[in-house]
Amino acid sequence: MSDPYKVLGIEPSATDEEVKKAYREQAKRYHPDKYADSPLADMASEKMKEINEAYDRILEERKNAKRQGQNYASYHQNRSDFAQIREMINRGDFSGAEAALSAIPSDQRDAEWYYLMGIVVYQKGWLEDAYNYFQTACRMDPNNAEYQSIYRRVQQQRAGTQGGYQTAAAASPGCGCCDICTCLLCSDCLCHCCRG
């Protein structure tokens, strides 16, 4: 999904009441009943689904931010930071990504932070550390398919290593660093719509 705030046509700084108002306006505009017996019925249905998902996602993000004691501005700054860190990783700037991750205060480190740090340490060859970071990300956000996918992949790879570090003898044919990168790139492509 693209940025849920863009879907509703509001800024991340919008109040809860403004979020509700924007949702109601969009829902009224695209409600499928309004398009019954119209060639646009399928489009309206898809749009309504997107609006509902965006609204649910915003509510969940805000609930999580409140639970963690973060204000919205701090939470959305982290989202922006993580998007930039993903870009660094995609460019191969792992040291820059690590520095940016390390600069995020420990009380603001959520599942995304652990996931991204797992990618960074994996690139260093620290399979055991990567495994632990991915495991924490999955524990914090158990429904995230992107996290689960890489966690399972590293878990399988870890079974063939010695001391948590990849060795040439332990690497099975067709299962190496390039496969993990391919997996990450595929996950990135599949989840691109989620980041907007």
N, C-alpha and C. Protein backbone atom coordinates (compact mmCIF):
# COMPACT_ATOMS: atom_id res chain seq x y z
N MET A 1 0.84 -1.18 0.00
CA MET A 1 0.00 0.00 0.00
C MET A 1 0.88 1.24 0.00
N SER A 2 0.44 2.27 -0.70
CA SER A 2 1.16 3.52 -0.68
C SER A 2 0.96 4.19 0.68
N ASP A 3 1.51 5.36 0.84
CA ASP A 3 1.42 6.09 2.09
C ASP A 3 -0.05 6.25 2.47
N PRO A 4 -0.46 5.74 3.65
CA PRO A 4 -1.88 5.80 4.02
C PRO A 4 -2.40 7.23 4.16
N TYR A 5 -1.49 8.15 4.52
CA TYR A 5 -1.91 9.55 4.64
C TYR A 5 -2.23 10.14 3.26
N LYS A 6 -1.44 9.74 2.26
CA LYS A 6 -1.71 10.22 0.90
C LYS A 6 -3.02 9.65 0.39
N VAL A 7 -3.29 8.39 0.74
CA VAL A 7 -4.55 7.77 0.31
C VAL A 7 -5.74 8.58 0.83
N LEU A 8 -5.64 9.04 2.08
CA LEU A 8 -6.75 9.81 2.67
C LEU A 8 -6.63 11.30 2.35
N GLY A 9 -5.53 11.72 1.73
CA GLY A 9 -5.37 13.13 1.35
C GLY A 9 -5.08 14.05 2.51
N ILE A 10 -4.33 13.56 3.50
CA ILE A 10 -4.00 14.36 4.68
C ILE A 10 -2.50 14.25 4.98
N GLU A 11 -2.03 15.09 5.87
CA GLU A 11 -0.64 15.08 6.30
C GLU A 11 -0.49 14.18 7.54
N PRO A 12 0.70 13.63 7.78
CA PRO A 12 0.92 12.82 8.98
C PRO A 12 0.69 13.59 10.28
N SER A 13 0.76 14.92 10.21
CA SER A 13 0.54 15.73 11.41
C SER A 13 -0.94 15.95 11.71
N ALA A 14 -1.82 15.40 10.88
CA ALA A 14 -3.27 15.57 11.09
C ALA A 14 -3.69 15.02 12.44
N THR A 15 -4.66 15.68 13.04
CA THR A 15 -5.19 15.21 14.32
C THR A 15 -6.04 13.97 14.08
N ASP A 16 -6.36 13.26 15.16
CA ASP A 16 -7.21 12.08 15.04
C ASP A 16 -8.56 12.45 14.42
N GLU A 17 -9.08 13.61 14.80
CA GLU A 17 -10.37 14.05 14.27
C GLU A 17 -10.28 14.34 12.77
N GLU A 18 -9.16 14.92 12.33
CA GLU A 18 -8.96 15.20 10.90
C GLU A 18 -8.82 13.90 10.11
N VAL A 19 -8.19 12.90 10.73
CA VAL A 19 -8.07 11.59 10.08
C VAL A 19 -9.45 10.99 9.88
N LYS A 20 -10.28 11.03 10.94
CA LYS A 20 -11.64 10.49 10.85
C LYS A 20 -12.45 11.21 9.78
N LYS A 21 -12.35 12.52 9.76
CA LYS A 21 -13.10 13.33 8.79
C LYS A 21 -12.68 12.98 7.36
N ALA A 22 -11.38 12.87 7.14
CA ALA A 22 -10.88 12.53 5.80
C ALA A 22 -11.34 11.14 5.38
N TYR A 23 -11.32 10.20 6.33
CA TYR A 23 -11.78 8.84 6.03
C TYR A 23 -13.25 8.86 5.63
N ARG A 24 -14.07 9.56 6.39
CA ARG A 24 -15.51 9.61 6.09
C ARG A 24 -15.76 10.22 4.71
N GLU A 25 -15.02 11.29 4.39
CA GLU A 25 -15.21 11.94 3.09
C GLU A 25 -14.85 10.98 1.94
N GLN A 26 -13.71 10.30 2.09
CA GLN A 26 -13.27 9.36 1.05
C GLN A 26 -14.25 8.18 0.95
N ALA A 27 -14.68 7.67 2.10
CA ALA A 27 -15.61 6.54 2.10
C ALA A 27 -16.94 6.92 1.44
N LYS A 28 -17.38 8.12 1.70
CA LYS A 28 -18.63 8.59 1.08
C LYS A 28 -18.46 8.71 -0.43
N ARG A 29 -17.31 9.21 -0.86
CA ARG A 29 -17.04 9.42 -2.29
C ARG A 29 -16.96 8.10 -3.06
N TYR A 30 -16.36 7.06 -2.44
CA TYR A 30 -16.09 5.82 -3.18
C TYR A 30 -16.91 4.62 -2.72
N HIS A 31 -17.92 4.84 -1.91
CA HIS A 31 -18.70 3.71 -1.40
C HIS A 31 -19.27 2.92 -2.57
N PRO A 32 -19.10 1.58 -2.57
CA PRO A 32 -19.56 0.75 -3.70
C PRO A 32 -21.04 0.88 -4.02
N ASP A 33 -21.88 1.14 -3.02
CA ASP A 33 -23.31 1.28 -3.27
C ASP A 33 -23.59 2.43 -4.24
N LYS A 34 -22.74 3.43 -4.21
CA LYS A 34 -22.91 4.59 -5.07
C LYS A 34 -22.63 4.23 -6.54
N TYR A 35 -21.90 3.14 -6.75
CA TYR A 35 -21.50 2.74 -8.10
C TYR A 35 -22.16 1.43 -8.56
N ALA A 36 -23.20 1.01 -7.87
CA ALA A 36 -23.90 -0.23 -8.26
C ALA A 36 -24.37 -0.09 -9.70
N ASP A 37 -24.29 -1.16 -10.46
CA ASP A 37 -24.70 -1.18 -11.87
C ASP A 37 -23.93 -0.17 -12.73
N SER A 38 -22.71 0.13 -12.31
CA SER A 38 -21.87 1.06 -13.06
C SER A 38 -20.60 0.34 -13.50
N PRO A 39 -20.05 0.71 -14.65
CA PRO A 39 -18.78 0.08 -15.06
C PRO A 39 -17.63 0.42 -14.10
N LEU A 40 -17.84 1.39 -13.25
CA LEU A 40 -16.81 1.79 -12.29
C LEU A 40 -16.94 1.06 -10.95
N ALA A 41 -17.85 0.11 -10.86
CA ALA A 41 -18.11 -0.59 -9.60
C ALA A 41 -16.85 -1.28 -9.06
N ASP A 42 -16.11 -1.96 -9.93
CA ASP A 42 -14.90 -2.66 -9.47
C ASP A 42 -13.85 -1.67 -8.99
N MET A 43 -13.68 -0.57 -9.73
CA MET A 43 -12.72 0.45 -9.33
C MET A 43 -13.10 1.05 -7.98
N ALA A 44 -14.37 1.33 -7.79
CA ALA A 44 -14.83 1.91 -6.53
C ALA A 44 -14.61 0.94 -5.38
N SER A 45 -14.86 -0.33 -5.64
CA SER A 45 -14.67 -1.36 -4.61
C SER A 45 -13.20 -1.45 -4.20
N GLU A 46 -12.30 -1.43 -5.20
CA GLU A 46 -10.86 -1.47 -4.91
C GLU A 46 -10.42 -0.22 -4.15
N LYS A 47 -10.92 0.93 -4.55
CA LYS A 47 -10.58 2.19 -3.89
C LYS A 47 -11.08 2.17 -2.45
N MET A 48 -12.27 1.65 -2.24
CA MET A 48 -12.82 1.58 -0.89
C MET A 48 -11.97 0.67 -0.01
N LYS A 49 -11.52 -0.43 -0.59
CA LYS A 49 -10.64 -1.35 0.15
C LYS A 49 -9.35 -0.63 0.54
N GLU A 50 -8.78 0.13 -0.38
CA GLU A 50 -7.54 0.89 -0.12
C GLU A 50 -7.76 1.93 0.98
N ILE A 51 -8.91 2.60 0.94
CA ILE A 51 -9.24 3.62 1.95
C ILE A 51 -9.37 2.97 3.33
N ASN A 52 -10.07 1.84 3.39
CA ASN A 52 -10.23 1.13 4.67
C ASN A 52 -8.88 0.68 5.23
N GLU A 53 -8.02 0.14 4.35
CA GLU A 53 -6.70 -0.32 4.79
C GLU A 53 -5.86 0.85 5.28
N ALA A 54 -5.93 1.97 4.58
CA ALA A 54 -5.17 3.16 4.98
C ALA A 54 -5.62 3.65 6.35
N TYR A 55 -6.92 3.72 6.53
CA TYR A 55 -7.45 4.19 7.81
C TYR A 55 -7.05 3.24 8.95
N ASP A 56 -7.20 1.94 8.71
CA ASP A 56 -6.82 0.96 9.74
C ASP A 56 -5.34 1.06 10.06
N ARG A 57 -4.52 1.25 9.04
CA ARG A 57 -3.07 1.33 9.25
C ARG A 57 -2.69 2.57 10.06
N ILE A 58 -3.33 3.70 9.75
CA ILE A 58 -3.06 4.93 10.51
C ILE A 58 -3.46 4.74 11.97
N LEU A 59 -4.64 4.16 12.20
CA LEU A 59 -5.08 3.93 13.58
C LEU A 59 -4.12 3.02 14.32
N GLU A 60 -3.66 1.96 13.65
CA GLU A 60 -2.73 1.01 14.28
C GLU A 60 -1.39 1.68 14.58
N GLU A 61 -0.88 2.47 13.64
CA GLU A 61 0.39 3.17 13.86
C GLU A 61 0.28 4.11 15.05
N ARG A 62 -0.81 4.82 15.11
CA ARG A 62 -0.98 5.79 16.21
C ARG A 62 -1.15 5.07 17.55
N LYS A 63 -1.86 3.96 17.52
CA LYS A 63 -2.02 3.18 18.75
C LYS A 63 -0.66 2.67 19.23
N ASN A 64 0.14 2.15 18.29
CA ASN A 64 1.47 1.66 18.65
C ASN A 64 2.36 2.78 19.15
N ALA A 65 2.28 3.95 18.52
CA ALA A 65 3.09 5.08 18.94
C ALA A 65 2.72 5.50 20.36
N LYS A 66 1.42 5.51 20.65
CA LYS A 66 0.98 5.88 22.01
C LYS A 66 1.46 4.84 23.02
N ARG A 67 1.35 3.56 22.64
CA ARG A 67 1.77 2.48 23.52
C ARG A 67 3.26 2.60 23.86
N GLN A 68 4.05 3.02 22.88
CA GLN A 68 5.49 3.14 23.08
C GLN A 68 5.88 4.50 23.65
N GLY A 69 4.87 5.35 23.92
CA GLY A 69 5.15 6.64 24.52
C GLY A 69 5.73 7.65 23.55
N GLN A 70 5.59 7.42 22.27
CA GLN A 70 6.11 8.35 21.28
C GLN A 70 5.00 9.29 20.86
N ASN A 71 5.39 10.52 20.52
CA ASN A 71 4.39 11.39 19.91
C ASN A 71 4.40 11.16 18.41
N TYR A 72 3.40 11.68 17.73
CA TYR A 72 3.27 11.41 16.30
C TYR A 72 4.45 11.96 15.51
N ALA A 73 4.93 13.13 15.87
CA ALA A 73 6.03 13.74 15.12
C ALA A 73 7.26 12.85 15.17
N SER A 74 7.58 12.36 16.37
CA SER A 74 8.74 11.48 16.54
C SER A 74 8.53 10.18 15.76
N TYR A 75 7.33 9.63 15.83
CA TYR A 75 7.04 8.38 15.13
C TYR A 75 7.23 8.54 13.62
N HIS A 76 6.69 9.62 13.07
CA HIS A 76 6.78 9.80 11.62
C HIS A 76 8.18 10.21 11.18
N GLN A 77 8.94 10.83 12.08
CA GLN A 77 10.33 11.11 11.75
C GLN A 77 11.07 9.78 11.59
N ASN A 78 10.79 8.82 12.48
CA ASN A 78 11.41 7.49 12.35
C ASN A 78 11.01 6.84 11.04
N ARG A 79 9.74 6.94 10.64
CA ARG A 79 9.30 6.35 9.38
C ARG A 79 10.11 6.94 8.23
N SER A 80 10.31 8.25 8.26
CA SER A 80 11.08 8.91 7.22
C SER A 80 12.54 8.46 7.26
N ASP A 81 13.09 8.37 8.46
CA ASP A 81 14.47 7.89 8.62
C ASP A 81 14.60 6.48 8.05
N PHE A 82 13.65 5.62 8.36
CA PHE A 82 13.72 4.23 7.89
C PHE A 82 13.63 4.16 6.37
N ALA A 83 12.83 5.02 5.76
CA ALA A 83 12.75 5.04 4.30
C ALA A 83 14.10 5.43 3.71
N GLN A 84 14.77 6.39 4.33
CA GLN A 84 16.09 6.81 3.85
C GLN A 84 17.11 5.69 4.07
N ILE A 85 17.01 4.99 5.18
CA ILE A 85 17.92 3.89 5.47
C ILE A 85 17.72 2.77 4.47
N ARG A 86 16.48 2.49 4.12
CA ARG A 86 16.21 1.47 3.09
C ARG A 86 16.87 1.88 1.76
N GLU A 87 16.80 3.16 1.44
CA GLU A 87 17.44 3.64 0.22
C GLU A 87 18.96 3.42 0.28
N MET A 88 19.56 3.70 1.44
CA MET A 88 21.01 3.47 1.61
C MET A 88 21.34 2.00 1.39
N ILE A 89 20.53 1.14 1.97
CA ILE A 89 20.75 -0.31 1.82
C ILE A 89 20.62 -0.71 0.36
N ASN A 90 19.61 -0.18 -0.32
CA ASN A 90 19.41 -0.50 -1.73
C ASN A 90 20.60 -0.04 -2.58
N ARG A 91 21.25 1.06 -2.16
CA ARG A 91 22.42 1.56 -2.88
C ARG A 91 23.70 0.83 -2.47
N GLY A 92 23.62 0.00 -1.43
CA GLY A 92 24.81 -0.71 -0.96
C GLY A 92 25.61 0.07 0.06
N ASP A 93 25.06 1.16 0.58
CA ASP A 93 25.74 1.98 1.59
C ASP A 93 25.40 1.44 2.98
N PHE A 94 25.99 0.28 3.31
CA PHE A 94 25.67 -0.38 4.57
C PHE A 94 26.27 0.34 5.77
N SER A 95 27.44 0.96 5.61
CA SER A 95 28.03 1.68 6.74
C SER A 95 27.20 2.93 7.05
N GLY A 96 26.70 3.61 6.00
CA GLY A 96 25.83 4.77 6.22
C GLY A 96 24.52 4.36 6.88
N ALA A 97 23.97 3.22 6.44
CA ALA A 97 22.73 2.71 7.04
C ALA A 97 22.95 2.36 8.50
N GLU A 98 24.09 1.73 8.80
CA GLU A 98 24.38 1.37 10.19
C GLU A 98 24.53 2.61 11.06
N ALA A 99 25.21 3.62 10.56
CA ALA A 99 25.37 4.86 11.32
C ALA A 99 24.02 5.52 11.58
N ALA A 100 23.16 5.55 10.55
CA ALA A 100 21.83 6.15 10.72
C ALA A 100 20.98 5.36 11.71
N LEU A 101 21.07 4.04 11.65
CA LEU A 101 20.32 3.21 12.60
C LEU A 101 20.83 3.41 14.02
N SER A 102 22.13 3.48 14.17
CA SER A 102 22.72 3.65 15.50
C SER A 102 22.35 4.99 16.12
N ALA A 103 22.05 5.99 15.27
CA ALA A 103 21.69 7.32 15.78
C ALA A 103 20.26 7.38 16.32
N ILE A 104 19.46 6.37 16.02
CA ILE A 104 18.07 6.36 16.52
C ILE A 104 18.09 5.93 17.97
N PRO A 105 17.50 6.73 18.86
CA PRO A 105 17.51 6.39 20.30
C PRO A 105 16.90 5.02 20.56
N SER A 106 17.46 4.33 21.54
CA SER A 106 17.02 2.95 21.82
C SER A 106 15.55 2.85 22.19
N ASP A 107 14.97 3.90 22.77
CA ASP A 107 13.56 3.84 23.14
C ASP A 107 12.64 4.04 21.93
N GLN A 108 13.23 4.31 20.75
CA GLN A 108 12.43 4.49 19.54
C GLN A 108 12.72 3.40 18.51
N ARG A 109 13.35 2.33 18.93
CA ARG A 109 13.70 1.25 18.02
C ARG A 109 12.56 0.23 17.98
N ASP A 110 11.88 0.21 16.85
CA ASP A 110 10.75 -0.70 16.69
C ASP A 110 11.15 -1.87 15.80
N ALA A 111 10.17 -2.63 15.35
CA ALA A 111 10.44 -3.82 14.54
C ALA A 111 11.20 -3.48 13.27
N GLU A 112 10.86 -2.36 12.65
CA GLU A 112 11.54 -1.95 11.42
C GLU A 112 13.03 -1.70 11.70
N TRP A 113 13.34 -1.10 12.82
CA TRP A 113 14.75 -0.85 13.17
C TRP A 113 15.51 -2.18 13.26
N TYR A 114 14.93 -3.15 13.96
CA TYR A 114 15.61 -4.44 14.12
C TYR A 114 15.75 -5.16 12.78
N TYR A 115 14.74 -5.05 11.94
CA TYR A 115 14.80 -5.66 10.62
C TYR A 115 15.95 -5.06 9.79
N LEU A 116 16.00 -3.73 9.75
CA LEU A 116 17.03 -3.07 8.95
C LEU A 116 18.43 -3.32 9.50
N MET A 117 18.56 -3.32 10.83
CA MET A 117 19.87 -3.61 11.42
C MET A 117 20.26 -5.05 11.11
N GLY A 118 19.30 -5.95 11.06
CA GLY A 118 19.58 -7.34 10.69
C GLY A 118 20.17 -7.42 9.30
N ILE A 119 19.63 -6.64 8.38
CA ILE A 119 20.15 -6.63 7.01
C ILE A 119 21.60 -6.13 7.01
N VAL A 120 21.85 -5.06 7.75
CA VAL A 120 23.19 -4.47 7.79
C VAL A 120 24.21 -5.46 8.34
N VAL A 121 23.89 -6.10 9.47
CA VAL A 121 24.88 -7.02 10.05
C VAL A 121 25.00 -8.30 9.23
N TYR A 122 23.94 -8.66 8.54
CA TYR A 122 24.03 -9.82 7.65
C TYR A 122 25.07 -9.56 6.56
N GLN A 123 25.07 -8.34 6.04
CA GLN A 123 26.03 -7.99 4.99
C GLN A 123 27.47 -8.03 5.49
N LYS A 124 27.66 -7.90 6.80
CA LYS A 124 29.00 -8.02 7.39
C LYS A 124 29.40 -9.48 7.57
N GLY A 125 28.44 -10.38 7.37
CA GLY A 125 28.72 -11.80 7.57
C GLY A 125 28.41 -12.27 8.98
N TRP A 126 27.75 -11.45 9.75
CA TRP A 126 27.42 -11.79 11.14
C TRP A 126 26.05 -12.44 11.19
N LEU A 127 26.01 -13.68 10.79
CA LEU A 127 24.75 -14.39 10.62
C LEU A 127 23.99 -14.54 11.94
N GLU A 128 24.70 -14.83 13.01
CA GLU A 128 24.04 -15.02 14.31
C GLU A 128 23.39 -13.72 14.78
N ASP A 129 24.11 -12.61 14.64
CA ASP A 129 23.55 -11.31 15.03
C ASP A 129 22.35 -10.97 14.14
N ALA A 130 22.49 -11.21 12.84
CA ALA A 130 21.38 -10.94 11.91
C ALA A 130 20.15 -11.76 12.31
N TYR A 131 20.38 -13.03 12.61
CA TYR A 131 19.29 -13.91 13.04
C TYR A 131 18.58 -13.32 14.26
N ASN A 132 19.35 -12.86 15.23
CA ASN A 132 18.76 -12.30 16.45
C ASN A 132 17.96 -11.03 16.16
N TYR A 133 18.49 -10.17 15.29
CA TYR A 133 17.76 -8.95 14.93
C TYR A 133 16.45 -9.30 14.21
N PHE A 134 16.52 -10.22 13.25
CA PHE A 134 15.31 -10.60 12.52
C PHE A 134 14.29 -11.26 13.44
N GLN A 135 14.78 -12.06 14.38
CA GLN A 135 13.89 -12.72 15.34
C GLN A 135 13.16 -11.68 16.18
N THR A 136 13.89 -10.65 16.62
CA THR A 136 13.26 -9.59 17.42
C THR A 136 12.24 -8.83 16.59
N ALA A 137 12.58 -8.53 15.33
CA ALA A 137 11.64 -7.82 14.46
C ALA A 137 10.35 -8.63 14.31
N CYS A 138 10.48 -9.94 14.12
CA CYS A 138 9.30 -10.80 13.96
C CYS A 138 8.51 -10.90 15.25
N ARG A 139 9.18 -10.89 16.37
CA ARG A 139 8.48 -10.94 17.65
C ARG A 139 7.69 -9.65 17.87
N MET A 140 8.26 -8.52 17.45
CA MET A 140 7.60 -7.23 17.64
C MET A 140 6.46 -7.00 16.65
N ASP A 141 6.60 -7.57 15.44
CA ASP A 141 5.58 -7.41 14.40
C ASP A 141 5.37 -8.76 13.71
N PRO A 142 4.68 -9.69 14.39
CA PRO A 142 4.57 -11.06 13.89
C PRO A 142 3.79 -11.22 12.59
N ASN A 143 3.05 -10.22 12.18
CA ASN A 143 2.25 -10.34 10.95
C ASN A 143 2.93 -9.75 9.72
N ASN A 144 4.17 -9.30 9.88
CA ASN A 144 4.87 -8.69 8.76
C ASN A 144 5.52 -9.77 7.91
N ALA A 145 5.00 -9.97 6.71
CA ALA A 145 5.50 -11.02 5.82
C ALA A 145 6.94 -10.80 5.38
N GLU A 146 7.33 -9.55 5.21
CA GLU A 146 8.69 -9.23 4.80
C GLU A 146 9.69 -9.69 5.87
N TYR A 147 9.39 -9.40 7.13
CA TYR A 147 10.27 -9.80 8.23
C TYR A 147 10.31 -11.33 8.35
N GLN A 148 9.13 -11.94 8.27
CA GLN A 148 9.05 -13.40 8.41
C GLN A 148 9.84 -14.13 7.32
N SER A 149 9.76 -13.61 6.10
CA SER A 149 10.43 -14.23 4.97
C SER A 149 11.94 -14.27 5.17
N ILE A 150 12.54 -13.15 5.51
CA ILE A 150 14.00 -13.10 5.67
C ILE A 150 14.42 -13.86 6.93
N TYR A 151 13.58 -13.82 7.96
CA TYR A 151 13.90 -14.55 9.18
C TYR A 151 13.98 -16.05 8.90
N ARG A 152 12.98 -16.59 8.18
CA ARG A 152 13.01 -18.02 7.84
C ARG A 152 14.21 -18.36 6.98
N ARG A 153 14.51 -17.48 6.05
CA ARG A 153 15.64 -17.72 5.15
C ARG A 153 16.96 -17.78 5.93
N VAL A 154 17.16 -16.82 6.83
CA VAL A 154 18.39 -16.80 7.62
C VAL A 154 18.41 -17.96 8.61
N GLN A 155 17.25 -18.32 9.12
CA GLN A 155 17.16 -19.46 10.03
C GLN A 155 17.63 -20.73 9.33
N GLN A 156 17.23 -20.91 8.10
CA GLN A 156 17.66 -22.09 7.33
C GLN A 156 19.16 -22.01 7.04
N GLN A 157 19.62 -20.85 6.68
CA GLN A 157 21.04 -20.69 6.37
C GLN A 157 21.89 -20.89 7.63
N ARG A 158 21.39 -20.42 8.74
CA ARG A 158 22.10 -20.53 10.02
C ARG A 158 22.33 -21.99 10.39
N ALA A 159 21.41 -22.86 10.00
CA ALA A 159 21.54 -24.27 10.31
C ALA A 159 22.78 -24.88 9.63
N GLY A 160 23.28 -24.22 8.56
CA GLY A 160 24.44 -24.74 7.86
C GLY A 160 25.70 -23.94 8.09
N THR A 161 25.79 -23.23 9.21
CA THR A 161 26.99 -22.42 9.49
C THR A 161 27.71 -22.94 10.71
N GLN A 162 28.90 -22.41 10.90
CA GLN A 162 29.71 -22.77 12.06
C GLN A 162 29.93 -21.52 12.88
N GLY A 163 29.44 -21.50 14.11
CA GLY A 163 29.67 -20.38 15.01
C GLY A 163 28.95 -19.10 14.61
N GLY A 164 27.93 -19.19 13.77
CA GLY A 164 27.16 -18.00 13.41
C GLY A 164 27.77 -17.19 12.29
N TYR A 165 28.86 -17.66 11.69
CA TYR A 165 29.49 -16.95 10.58
C TYR A 165 29.50 -17.86 9.37
N GLN A 166 29.15 -17.30 8.24
CA GLN A 166 29.07 -18.09 7.02
C GLN A 166 30.46 -18.55 6.60
N THR A 167 30.60 -19.82 6.34
CA THR A 167 31.86 -20.34 5.84
C THR A 167 31.64 -20.85 4.44
N ALA A 168 32.70 -20.87 3.64
CA ALA A 168 32.56 -21.33 2.25
C ALA A 168 32.08 -22.77 2.21
N ALA A 169 32.58 -23.60 3.13
CA ALA A 169 32.19 -25.01 3.14
C ALA A 169 30.73 -25.18 3.55
N ALA A 170 30.24 -24.27 4.38
CA ALA A 170 28.88 -24.42 4.91
C ALA A 170 27.82 -23.94 3.92
N ALA A 171 28.23 -23.08 3.00
CA ALA A 171 27.24 -22.53 2.07
C ALA A 171 26.79 -23.60 1.10
N SER A 172 25.51 -23.80 1.01
CA SER A 172 25.00 -24.80 0.08
C SER A 172 24.87 -24.17 -1.29
N PRO A 173 24.99 -24.96 -2.35
CA PRO A 173 24.89 -24.40 -3.70
C PRO A 173 23.55 -23.69 -3.88
N GLY A 174 23.61 -22.51 -4.44
CA GLY A 174 22.38 -21.76 -4.71
C GLY A 174 21.80 -21.08 -3.50
N CYS A 175 22.51 -21.07 -2.40
CA CYS A 175 21.97 -20.42 -1.20
C CYS A 175 23.09 -19.61 -0.58
N GLY A 176 23.22 -18.39 -0.99
CA GLY A 176 24.29 -17.57 -0.47
C GLY A 176 23.86 -16.13 -0.37
N CYS A 177 24.86 -15.28 -0.30
CA CYS A 177 24.62 -13.86 -0.12
C CYS A 177 23.75 -13.31 -1.25
N CYS A 178 24.02 -13.73 -2.47
CA CYS A 178 23.24 -13.22 -3.61
C CYS A 178 21.77 -13.61 -3.49
N ASP A 179 21.50 -14.82 -2.97
CA ASP A 179 20.11 -15.23 -2.80
C ASP A 179 19.41 -14.38 -1.75
N ILE A 180 20.13 -14.05 -0.68
CA ILE A 180 19.53 -13.19 0.35
C ILE A 180 19.26 -11.81 -0.26
N CYS A 181 20.21 -11.29 -1.02
CA CYS A 181 20.01 -9.99 -1.67
C CYS A 181 18.81 -10.04 -2.60
N THR A 182 18.72 -11.14 -3.35
CA THR A 182 17.58 -11.29 -4.26
C THR A 182 16.28 -11.32 -3.48
N CYS A 183 16.29 -12.03 -2.37
CA CYS A 183 15.10 -12.09 -1.51
C CYS A 183 14.74 -10.70 -1.00
N LEU A 184 15.78 -9.95 -0.57
CA LEU A 184 15.53 -8.60 -0.07
C LEU A 184 15.00 -7.69 -1.17
N LEU A 185 15.58 -7.82 -2.37
CA LEU A 185 15.11 -7.00 -3.48
C LEU A 185 13.67 -7.34 -3.85
N CYS A 186 13.36 -8.63 -3.86
CA CYS A 186 11.97 -9.04 -4.15
C CYS A 186 11.02 -8.51 -3.08
N SER A 187 11.43 -8.63 -1.82
CA SER A 187 10.60 -8.11 -0.73
C SER A 187 10.41 -6.61 -0.89
N ASP A 188 11.51 -5.93 -1.28
CA ASP A 188 11.43 -4.49 -1.47
C ASP A 188 10.44 -4.15 -2.57
N CYS A 189 10.51 -4.88 -3.68
CA CYS A 189 9.58 -4.63 -4.78
C CYS A 189 8.14 -4.90 -4.37
N LEU A 190 7.93 -6.01 -3.66
CA LEU A 190 6.58 -6.36 -3.25
C LEU A 190 6.03 -5.37 -2.24
N CYS A 191 6.90 -4.85 -1.39
CA CYS A 191 6.42 -3.95 -0.32
C CYS A 191 6.60 -2.49 -0.67
N HIS A 192 7.06 -2.19 -1.90
CA HIS A 192 7.27 -0.80 -2.29
C HIS A 192 6.00 0.00 -2.12
N CYS A 193 4.87 -0.63 -2.43
CA CYS A 193 3.61 0.10 -2.31
C CYS A 193 3.30 0.42 -0.86
N CYS A 194 3.86 -0.32 0.08
CA CYS A 194 3.58 -0.08 1.49
C CYS A 194 4.32 1.16 2.01
N ARG A 195 5.39 1.53 1.30
CA ARG A 195 6.19 2.65 1.79
C ARG A 195 5.88 3.94 1.09
N GLY A 196 5.12 3.88 0.06
CA GLY A 196 4.73 5.09 -0.66
C GLY A 196 5.79 5.65 -1.54
